[in-house]
Amino acid sequence: MEVSFHIPDDIATRMTSGAAVDLSRHALEALAAEEYRQGKIHKPDLRRLFGFETSYEIDGFLKAHNVYDDFTVEEINHQVATLERLGF
């Protein structure tokens, strides 16, 4: 699917601060980050959208967009218990 929208030149100039910024990419990243935040897409989707090869790249993308996974106390306790059981 292809999506397009119009941004007046003066606003686009301010959005890019005069730098060579790809507004299409910027808009896609902002949309993908928000959709991930809302749980509508997942890490494999981000991998496909942006061609990420590693989990490190995905995590870096999310961190750059201030998106952090929410973990419950129960999930963290379960992970700690699993690590302890494995001897870590």
C-alpha atoms as a PDB file:
ATOM      1  CA  MET A   1       0.000   0.000   0.000  1.00  0.00           C
ATOM      2  CA  GLU A   2       1.216   3.427  -0.796  1.00  0.00           C
ATOM      3  CA  VAL A   3       0.108   6.445   1.210  1.00  0.00           C
ATOM      4  CA  SER A   4       0.771  10.058   0.322  1.00  0.00           C
ATOM      5  CA  PHE A   5      -0.096  13.394   1.841  1.00  0.00           C
ATOM      6  CA  HIS A   6       0.663  17.032   1.177  1.00  0.00           C
ATOM      7  CA  ILE A   7       2.870  19.147   3.447  1.00  0.00           C
ATOM      8  CA  PRO A   8       3.142  22.825   2.542  1.00  0.00           C
ATOM      9  CA  ASP A   9       6.715  23.758   1.621  1.00  0.00           C
ATOM     10  CA  ASP A  10       7.170  26.243   4.445  1.00  0.00           C
ATOM     11  CA  ILE A  11       6.119  23.672   7.026  1.00  0.00           C
ATOM     12  CA  ALA A  12       8.248  20.948   5.429  1.00  0.00           C
ATOM     13  CA  THR A  13      11.239  23.283   5.578  1.00  0.00           C
ATOM     14  CA  ARG A  14      10.711  23.860   9.283  1.00  0.00           C
ATOM     15  CA  MET A  15      10.184  20.134   9.881  1.00  0.00           C
ATOM     16  CA  THR A  16      13.519  19.325   8.320  1.00  0.00           C
ATOM     17  CA  SER A  17      15.272  22.353   9.847  1.00  0.00           C
ATOM     18  CA  GLY A  18      16.838  22.946   6.455  1.00  0.00           C
ATOM     19  CA  ALA A  19      18.714  19.615   6.655  1.00  0.00           C
ATOM     20  CA  ALA A  20      18.500  16.851   4.084  1.00  0.00           C
ATOM     21  CA  VAL A  21      15.858  14.802   5.903  1.00  0.00           C
ATOM     22  CA  ASP A  22      13.726  12.239   4.105  1.00  0.00           C
ATOM     23  CA  LEU A  23      10.276  13.238   5.323  1.00  0.00           C
ATOM     24  CA  SER A  24       8.723  10.095   3.842  1.00  0.00           C
ATOM     25  CA  ARG A  25      11.039   7.909   5.906  1.00  0.00           C
ATOM     26  CA  HIS A  26      10.556  10.129   8.945  1.00  0.00           C
ATOM     27  CA  ALA A  27       6.764   9.834   8.654  1.00  0.00           C
ATOM     28  CA  LEU A  28       6.945   6.043   8.185  1.00  0.00           C
ATOM     29  CA  GLU A  29       9.187   5.677  11.236  1.00  0.00           C
ATOM     30  CA  ALA A  30       6.887   7.821  13.385  1.00  0.00           C
ATOM     31  CA  LEU A  31       3.840   5.843  12.263  1.00  0.00           C
ATOM     32  CA  ALA A  32       5.521   2.476  12.791  1.00  0.00           C
ATOM     33  CA  ALA A  33       6.767   3.470  16.254  1.00  0.00           C
ATOM     34  CA  GLU A  34       3.289   4.573  17.296  1.00  0.00           C
ATOM     35  CA  GLU A  35       1.645   1.441  15.896  1.00  0.00           C
ATOM     36  CA  TYR A  36       4.194  -0.688  17.780  1.00  0.00           C
ATOM     37  CA  ARG A  37       3.519   1.306  20.960  1.00  0.00           C
ATOM     38  CA  GLN A  38      -0.204   0.555  20.566  1.00  0.00           C
ATOM     39  CA  GLY A  39       0.449  -3.151  19.973  1.00  0.00           C
ATOM     40  CA  LYS A  40      -0.847  -3.124  16.392  1.00  0.00           C
ATOM     41  CA  ILE A  41       2.461  -4.254  14.901  1.00  0.00           C
ATOM     42  CA  HIS A  42       5.315  -6.270  16.385  1.00  0.00           C
ATOM     43  CA  LYS A  43       9.082  -6.613  16.070  1.00  0.00           C
ATOM     44  CA  PRO A  44       8.907  -8.965  13.051  1.00  0.00           C
ATOM     45  CA  ASP A  45       6.798  -6.309  11.314  1.00  0.00           C
ATOM     46  CA  LEU A  46       9.433  -3.663  12.051  1.00  0.00           C
ATOM     47  CA  ARG A  47      12.069  -6.027  10.662  1.00  0.00           C
ATOM     48  CA  ARG A  48      10.100  -6.326   7.411  1.00  0.00           C
ATOM     49  CA  LEU A  49       9.296  -2.622   7.144  1.00  0.00           C
ATOM     50  CA  PHE A  50      12.849  -1.401   7.603  1.00  0.00           C
ATOM     51  CA  GLY A  51      14.978  -4.399   6.631  1.00  0.00           C
ATOM     52  CA  PHE A  52      16.512  -4.765  10.073  1.00  0.00           C
ATOM     53  CA  GLU A  53      18.759  -7.794  10.323  1.00  0.00           C
ATOM     54  CA  THR A  54      19.289  -7.946  14.070  1.00  0.00           C
ATOM     55  CA  SER A  55      17.275  -7.506  17.233  1.00  0.00           C
ATOM     56  CA  TYR A  56      19.830  -4.876  18.220  1.00  0.00           C
ATOM     57  CA  GLU A  57      18.740  -2.742  15.235  1.00  0.00           C
ATOM     58  CA  ILE A  58      15.080  -3.111  16.173  1.00  0.00           C
ATOM     59  CA  ASP A  59      15.766  -2.212  19.802  1.00  0.00           C
ATOM     60  CA  GLY A  60      17.818   0.787  18.666  1.00  0.00           C
ATOM     61  CA  PHE A  61      14.967   1.957  16.447  1.00  0.00           C
ATOM     62  CA  LEU A  62      12.498   1.669  19.319  1.00  0.00           C
ATOM     63  CA  LYS A  63      14.818   3.438  21.741  1.00  0.00           C
ATOM     64  CA  ALA A  64      15.392   6.258  19.229  1.00  0.00           C
ATOM     65  CA  HIS A  65      11.619   6.732  19.111  1.00  0.00           C
ATOM     66  CA  ASN A  66      11.205   6.535  22.897  1.00  0.00           C
ATOM     67  CA  VAL A  67       9.283   3.268  22.722  1.00  0.00           C
ATOM     68  CA  TYR A  68       9.949   0.860  25.543  1.00  0.00           C
ATOM     69  CA  ASP A  69       8.387  -2.514  26.187  1.00  0.00           C
ATOM     70  CA  ASP A  70       6.160  -2.585  29.244  1.00  0.00           C
ATOM     71  CA  PHE A  71       6.789  -5.531  31.505  1.00  0.00           C
ATOM     72  CA  THR A  72       4.610  -6.477  34.441  1.00  0.00           C
ATOM     73  CA  VAL A  73       6.150  -7.324  37.801  1.00  0.00           C
ATOM     74  CA  GLU A  74       5.028 -10.913  37.258  1.00  0.00           C
ATOM     75  CA  GLU A  75       6.851 -11.118  33.915  1.00  0.00           C
ATOM     76  CA  ILE A  76      10.051  -9.766  35.431  1.00  0.00           C
ATOM     77  CA  ASN A  77       9.818 -12.148  38.393  1.00  0.00           C
ATOM     78  CA  HIS A  78       9.276 -15.043  35.989  1.00  0.00           C
ATOM     79  CA  GLN A  79      12.351 -14.037  33.972  1.00  0.00           C
ATOM     80  CA  VAL A  80      14.451 -13.712  37.130  1.00  0.00           C
ATOM     81  CA  ALA A  81      13.282 -17.125  38.368  1.00  0.00           C
ATOM     82  CA  THR A  82      14.118 -18.668  34.986  1.00  0.00           C
ATOM     83  CA  LEU A  83      17.613 -17.141  34.990  1.00  0.00           C
ATOM     84  CA  GLU A  84      18.220 -18.323  38.529  1.00  0.00           C
ATOM     85  CA  ARG A  85      17.034 -21.823  37.625  1.00  0.00           C
ATOM     86  CA  LEU A  86      19.480 -21.818  34.715  1.00  0.00           C
ATOM     87  CA  GLY A  87      22.299 -20.755  37.026  1.00  0.00           C
ATOM     88  CA  PHE A  88      22.686 -17.137  35.974  1.00  0.00           C
END
